[in-house]
N, C-alpha and C. Protein backbone atom coordinates (compact mmCIF):
# COMPACT_ATOMS: atom_id res chain seq x y z
N MET A 1 -16.70 -40.94 59.54
CA MET A 1 -15.30 -40.61 59.38
C MET A 1 -15.04 -40.25 57.92
N SER A 2 -14.29 -39.23 57.69
CA SER A 2 -14.02 -38.78 56.34
C SER A 2 -13.12 -39.78 55.60
N LYS A 3 -13.18 -39.72 54.27
CA LYS A 3 -12.37 -40.59 53.43
C LYS A 3 -11.32 -39.74 52.72
N ARG A 4 -10.06 -40.09 52.91
CA ARG A 4 -8.95 -39.35 52.30
C ARG A 4 -8.29 -40.24 51.24
N THR A 5 -8.10 -39.66 50.05
CA THR A 5 -7.42 -40.35 48.97
C THR A 5 -6.24 -39.51 48.53
N ASP A 6 -5.04 -40.09 48.54
CA ASP A 6 -3.83 -39.40 48.13
C ASP A 6 -3.33 -39.98 46.82
N GLY A 7 -2.79 -39.11 45.98
CA GLY A 7 -2.23 -39.56 44.71
C GLY A 7 -1.07 -38.68 44.30
N PHE A 8 -0.42 -39.07 43.20
CA PHE A 8 0.72 -38.30 42.71
C PHE A 8 0.74 -38.32 41.19
N ASN A 9 0.92 -37.14 40.60
CA ASN A 9 1.05 -37.00 39.15
C ASN A 9 2.18 -36.02 38.88
N PRO A 10 3.39 -36.52 38.60
CA PRO A 10 4.54 -35.63 38.45
C PRO A 10 4.47 -34.75 37.20
N MET A 11 3.60 -35.07 36.27
CA MET A 11 3.51 -34.29 35.03
C MET A 11 2.28 -33.38 34.99
N GLY A 12 1.59 -33.24 36.11
CA GLY A 12 0.36 -32.48 36.15
C GLY A 12 0.55 -31.02 36.49
N ASP A 13 -0.57 -30.30 36.53
CA ASP A 13 -0.62 -28.94 37.02
C ASP A 13 -2.03 -28.66 37.51
N ARG A 14 -2.24 -27.52 38.12
CA ARG A 14 -3.53 -27.22 38.73
C ARG A 14 -4.64 -26.98 37.72
N TYR A 15 -4.30 -26.72 36.48
CA TYR A 15 -5.30 -26.30 35.51
C TYR A 15 -6.28 -27.40 35.13
N VAL A 16 -5.89 -28.65 35.26
CA VAL A 16 -6.83 -29.73 35.03
C VAL A 16 -7.95 -29.69 36.08
N PHE A 17 -7.63 -29.22 37.28
CA PHE A 17 -8.64 -29.07 38.33
C PHE A 17 -9.51 -27.85 38.05
N ASP A 18 -8.85 -26.73 37.71
CA ASP A 18 -9.58 -25.49 37.43
C ASP A 18 -10.61 -25.64 36.31
N PHE A 19 -10.22 -26.33 35.25
CA PHE A 19 -11.04 -26.33 34.03
C PHE A 19 -11.72 -27.64 33.70
N LYS A 20 -11.46 -28.69 34.50
CA LYS A 20 -12.08 -29.98 34.20
C LYS A 20 -12.69 -30.65 35.43
N CYS A 21 -11.87 -30.92 36.41
CA CYS A 21 -12.31 -31.73 37.56
C CYS A 21 -13.11 -30.96 38.61
N CYS A 22 -12.70 -29.74 38.91
CA CYS A 22 -13.27 -28.99 40.04
C CYS A 22 -13.89 -27.68 39.56
N THR A 23 -14.83 -27.79 38.65
CA THR A 23 -15.47 -26.60 38.09
C THR A 23 -16.67 -26.17 38.93
N SER A 24 -17.04 -24.94 38.75
CA SER A 24 -18.22 -24.39 39.44
C SER A 24 -19.48 -25.18 39.07
N ALA A 25 -19.58 -25.60 37.83
CA ALA A 25 -20.75 -26.37 37.39
C ALA A 25 -20.87 -27.70 38.13
N LYS A 26 -19.76 -28.20 38.64
CA LYS A 26 -19.76 -29.45 39.40
C LYS A 26 -19.84 -29.20 40.91
N GLY A 27 -20.02 -27.93 41.31
CA GLY A 27 -20.19 -27.60 42.73
C GLY A 27 -18.92 -27.18 43.45
N TRP A 28 -17.85 -26.91 42.70
CA TRP A 28 -16.57 -26.58 43.31
C TRP A 28 -16.29 -25.08 43.28
N ALA A 29 -15.63 -24.62 44.32
CA ALA A 29 -15.14 -23.24 44.41
C ALA A 29 -13.63 -23.31 44.64
N GLN A 30 -12.93 -22.30 44.19
CA GLN A 30 -11.49 -22.25 44.45
C GLN A 30 -11.24 -21.65 45.83
N LEU A 31 -10.32 -22.25 46.55
CA LEU A 31 -9.85 -21.68 47.81
C LEU A 31 -8.55 -20.95 47.46
N ASP A 32 -8.65 -19.66 47.27
CA ASP A 32 -7.52 -18.86 46.82
C ASP A 32 -6.60 -18.49 47.97
N THR A 33 -5.28 -18.58 47.71
CA THR A 33 -4.27 -18.15 48.68
C THR A 33 -3.15 -17.44 47.93
N ARG A 34 -2.28 -16.80 48.67
CA ARG A 34 -1.11 -16.15 48.06
C ARG A 34 -0.15 -17.17 47.46
N GLN A 35 -0.28 -18.42 47.81
CA GLN A 35 0.61 -19.47 47.32
C GLN A 35 0.21 -20.01 45.95
N ASP A 36 -0.99 -19.67 45.47
CA ASP A 36 -1.49 -20.26 44.24
C ASP A 36 -0.52 -20.07 43.08
N ALA A 37 -0.35 -21.14 42.33
CA ALA A 37 0.54 -21.15 41.17
C ALA A 37 0.14 -22.35 40.31
N SER A 38 0.80 -22.52 39.20
CA SER A 38 0.48 -23.66 38.33
C SER A 38 0.68 -24.99 39.06
N TYR A 39 1.53 -25.00 40.07
CA TYR A 39 1.85 -26.22 40.80
C TYR A 39 1.14 -26.31 42.16
N TYR A 40 0.22 -25.38 42.46
CA TYR A 40 -0.42 -25.38 43.77
C TYR A 40 -1.84 -24.81 43.69
N GLY A 41 -2.78 -25.50 44.30
CA GLY A 41 -4.15 -25.00 44.36
C GLY A 41 -5.02 -25.84 45.28
N ASN A 42 -6.15 -25.25 45.70
CA ASN A 42 -7.11 -25.92 46.57
C ASN A 42 -8.52 -25.63 46.07
N TRP A 43 -9.40 -26.62 46.19
CA TRP A 43 -10.78 -26.49 45.77
C TRP A 43 -11.69 -27.06 46.85
N VAL A 44 -12.89 -26.50 46.95
CA VAL A 44 -13.82 -26.86 48.02
C VAL A 44 -15.22 -27.03 47.42
N ASN A 45 -15.89 -28.11 47.80
CA ASN A 45 -17.25 -28.35 47.34
C ASN A 45 -18.19 -28.35 48.55
N PRO A 46 -18.95 -27.25 48.75
CA PRO A 46 -19.83 -27.16 49.91
C PRO A 46 -21.14 -27.92 49.73
N LEU A 47 -21.37 -28.47 48.55
CA LEU A 47 -22.59 -29.22 48.28
C LEU A 47 -22.40 -30.71 48.56
N LYS A 48 -21.21 -31.21 48.26
CA LYS A 48 -20.90 -32.63 48.49
C LYS A 48 -19.96 -32.83 49.67
N TYR A 49 -19.54 -31.72 50.30
CA TYR A 49 -18.64 -31.77 51.46
C TYR A 49 -17.31 -32.46 51.10
N GLU A 50 -16.62 -31.87 50.13
CA GLU A 50 -15.35 -32.41 49.67
C GLU A 50 -14.32 -31.30 49.51
N THR A 51 -13.04 -31.67 49.61
CA THR A 51 -11.95 -30.75 49.31
C THR A 51 -10.92 -31.49 48.46
N VAL A 52 -10.21 -30.71 47.64
CA VAL A 52 -9.10 -31.23 46.85
C VAL A 52 -7.94 -30.25 47.01
N SER A 53 -6.75 -30.80 47.23
CA SER A 53 -5.53 -29.99 47.28
C SER A 53 -4.54 -30.57 46.30
N TYR A 54 -3.84 -29.68 45.59
CA TYR A 54 -2.83 -30.09 44.63
C TYR A 54 -1.56 -29.29 44.91
N CYS A 55 -0.44 -29.99 45.09
CA CYS A 55 0.83 -29.32 45.36
C CYS A 55 1.97 -30.11 44.73
N GLU A 56 2.54 -29.55 43.69
CA GLU A 56 3.72 -30.13 43.04
C GLU A 56 3.54 -31.61 42.71
N GLY A 57 2.38 -31.97 42.19
CA GLY A 57 2.11 -33.34 41.80
C GLY A 57 1.36 -34.16 42.83
N ASP A 58 1.45 -33.76 44.11
CA ASP A 58 0.70 -34.45 45.15
C ASP A 58 -0.75 -33.98 45.14
N CYS A 59 -1.66 -34.92 45.19
CA CYS A 59 -3.08 -34.58 45.19
C CYS A 59 -3.76 -35.28 46.36
N THR A 60 -4.54 -34.51 47.12
CA THR A 60 -5.29 -35.05 48.25
C THR A 60 -6.76 -34.70 48.07
N HIS A 61 -7.60 -35.72 48.10
CA HIS A 61 -9.05 -35.56 47.98
C HIS A 61 -9.67 -36.06 49.27
N ILE A 62 -10.42 -35.19 49.94
CA ILE A 62 -11.09 -35.59 51.18
C ILE A 62 -12.59 -35.48 50.97
N GLN A 63 -13.28 -36.58 51.28
CA GLN A 63 -14.74 -36.63 51.24
C GLN A 63 -15.22 -36.74 52.68
N TYR A 64 -15.90 -35.70 53.15
CA TYR A 64 -16.37 -35.66 54.53
C TYR A 64 -17.73 -36.36 54.64
N ASP A 65 -17.95 -37.02 55.75
CA ASP A 65 -19.19 -37.77 55.95
C ASP A 65 -20.37 -36.90 56.36
N SER A 66 -20.09 -35.71 56.85
CA SER A 66 -21.19 -34.88 57.33
C SER A 66 -20.86 -33.40 57.16
N GLU A 67 -21.88 -32.61 57.28
CA GLU A 67 -21.71 -31.16 57.23
C GLU A 67 -20.78 -30.70 58.35
N ALA A 68 -20.96 -31.25 59.53
CA ALA A 68 -20.13 -30.85 60.68
C ALA A 68 -18.66 -31.17 60.44
N GLU A 69 -18.36 -32.35 59.88
CA GLU A 69 -16.97 -32.71 59.57
C GLU A 69 -16.39 -31.76 58.52
N PHE A 70 -17.19 -31.44 57.51
CA PHE A 70 -16.74 -30.53 56.46
C PHE A 70 -16.42 -29.16 57.04
N ILE A 71 -17.31 -28.64 57.87
CA ILE A 71 -17.08 -27.33 58.49
C ILE A 71 -15.80 -27.36 59.31
N ALA A 72 -15.60 -28.41 60.10
CA ALA A 72 -14.39 -28.52 60.91
C ALA A 72 -13.14 -28.60 60.03
N GLY A 73 -13.19 -29.38 58.97
CA GLY A 73 -12.05 -29.53 58.07
C GLY A 73 -11.71 -28.24 57.35
N LEU A 74 -12.73 -27.56 56.82
CA LEU A 74 -12.48 -26.30 56.10
C LEU A 74 -12.02 -25.22 57.08
N THR A 75 -12.58 -25.20 58.27
CA THR A 75 -12.14 -24.25 59.29
C THR A 75 -10.67 -24.44 59.61
N GLU A 76 -10.24 -25.68 59.75
CA GLU A 76 -8.84 -25.99 60.03
C GLU A 76 -7.94 -25.53 58.87
N THR A 77 -8.37 -25.78 57.65
CA THR A 77 -7.60 -25.37 56.47
C THR A 77 -7.47 -23.85 56.41
N LEU A 78 -8.57 -23.15 56.61
CA LEU A 78 -8.53 -21.68 56.58
C LEU A 78 -7.66 -21.13 57.70
N LYS A 79 -7.73 -21.75 58.88
CA LYS A 79 -6.90 -21.32 60.00
C LYS A 79 -5.42 -21.49 59.68
N TRP A 80 -5.06 -22.63 59.11
CA TRP A 80 -3.66 -22.89 58.76
C TRP A 80 -3.16 -21.84 57.77
N HIS A 81 -3.94 -21.59 56.72
CA HIS A 81 -3.53 -20.61 55.72
C HIS A 81 -3.45 -19.20 56.31
N THR A 82 -4.33 -18.87 57.22
CA THR A 82 -4.30 -17.56 57.87
C THR A 82 -3.05 -17.44 58.74
N GLU A 83 -2.76 -18.47 59.52
CA GLU A 83 -1.57 -18.45 60.40
C GLU A 83 -0.27 -18.34 59.60
N HIS A 84 -0.27 -18.81 58.37
CA HIS A 84 0.92 -18.76 57.52
C HIS A 84 0.86 -17.60 56.53
N GLU A 85 0.02 -16.60 56.86
CA GLU A 85 -0.09 -15.35 56.11
C GLU A 85 -0.35 -15.56 54.62
N CYS A 86 -1.21 -16.52 54.33
CA CYS A 86 -1.54 -16.83 52.93
C CYS A 86 -2.83 -16.16 52.48
N ASN A 87 -3.50 -15.43 53.39
CA ASN A 87 -4.70 -14.67 53.07
C ASN A 87 -5.74 -15.51 52.32
N PRO A 88 -6.27 -16.56 52.94
CA PRO A 88 -7.22 -17.41 52.22
C PRO A 88 -8.55 -16.72 51.94
N LYS A 89 -9.06 -16.96 50.75
CA LYS A 89 -10.37 -16.47 50.34
C LYS A 89 -11.05 -17.57 49.54
N ILE A 90 -12.35 -17.61 49.59
CA ILE A 90 -13.12 -18.57 48.82
C ILE A 90 -13.75 -17.83 47.64
N ASP A 91 -13.44 -18.29 46.45
CA ASP A 91 -14.01 -17.72 45.24
C ASP A 91 -15.29 -18.47 44.92
N GLY A 92 -16.42 -17.84 45.16
CA GLY A 92 -17.72 -18.46 44.90
C GLY A 92 -18.03 -18.62 43.43
N MET A 93 -17.11 -18.21 42.58
CA MET A 93 -17.20 -18.40 41.13
C MET A 93 -18.46 -17.75 40.55
N CYS A 94 -18.96 -16.70 41.21
CA CYS A 94 -20.19 -16.01 40.78
C CYS A 94 -21.38 -16.98 40.67
N ASN A 95 -21.32 -18.05 41.43
CA ASN A 95 -22.35 -19.08 41.42
C ASN A 95 -23.22 -18.88 42.67
N PRO A 96 -24.46 -18.43 42.49
CA PRO A 96 -25.30 -18.15 43.66
C PRO A 96 -25.55 -19.36 44.55
N ILE A 97 -25.56 -20.54 43.99
CA ILE A 97 -25.77 -21.75 44.80
C ILE A 97 -24.58 -21.98 45.72
N LEU A 98 -23.37 -21.81 45.19
CA LEU A 98 -22.17 -21.98 46.02
C LEU A 98 -22.06 -20.88 47.07
N ILE A 99 -22.33 -19.66 46.68
CA ILE A 99 -22.25 -18.53 47.61
C ILE A 99 -23.23 -18.74 48.76
N GLU A 100 -24.44 -19.17 48.45
CA GLU A 100 -25.45 -19.42 49.49
C GLU A 100 -25.00 -20.55 50.40
N ALA A 101 -24.41 -21.60 49.82
CA ALA A 101 -23.98 -22.74 50.64
C ALA A 101 -22.86 -22.33 51.60
N PHE A 102 -21.87 -21.60 51.11
CA PHE A 102 -20.79 -21.16 52.00
C PHE A 102 -21.31 -20.21 53.08
N THR A 103 -22.25 -19.36 52.72
CA THR A 103 -22.85 -18.43 53.69
C THR A 103 -23.60 -19.22 54.76
N ARG A 104 -24.41 -20.18 54.34
CA ARG A 104 -25.18 -21.00 55.28
C ARG A 104 -24.26 -21.79 56.22
N LEU A 105 -23.10 -22.22 55.71
CA LEU A 105 -22.16 -23.00 56.51
C LEU A 105 -21.28 -22.15 57.42
N GLY A 106 -21.39 -20.81 57.30
CA GLY A 106 -20.65 -19.92 58.19
C GLY A 106 -19.36 -19.38 57.64
N PHE A 107 -19.17 -19.44 56.32
CA PHE A 107 -17.91 -19.00 55.72
C PHE A 107 -18.05 -17.73 54.89
N ALA A 108 -19.11 -16.96 55.11
CA ALA A 108 -19.34 -15.73 54.32
C ALA A 108 -18.17 -14.76 54.38
N GLU A 109 -17.52 -14.67 55.54
CA GLU A 109 -16.41 -13.71 55.68
C GLU A 109 -15.23 -14.04 54.76
N TYR A 110 -15.15 -15.26 54.27
CA TYR A 110 -14.05 -15.66 53.39
C TYR A 110 -14.38 -15.52 51.91
N LEU A 111 -15.65 -15.29 51.60
CA LEU A 111 -16.04 -15.17 50.18
C LEU A 111 -15.50 -13.88 49.57
N HIS A 112 -15.12 -13.98 48.31
CA HIS A 112 -14.74 -12.78 47.56
C HIS A 112 -15.20 -12.89 46.14
């Protein structure tokens, strides 16, 4: 069963995730949507099977127990963003390891 951790930081923004917590060097890719802004962002780690979402101070970190759970969770997230016309894409951050992992997991069509 996956582990979900919720938190709140009213004085934060997404850039601490972009440039410190969820970097490509740490195995993270950005899940880009039309909603992205300083107060909103999503990150995905296909190596550790984790996701992070940040929205107006609310932060949700999900650690999946297995590859199958991760695939199901990311599939659900991409479906939701697609249904809400947010045009989700996964930015592989020009990192061949991340690009290969997303491709192997079946998400190549979302890479940009």
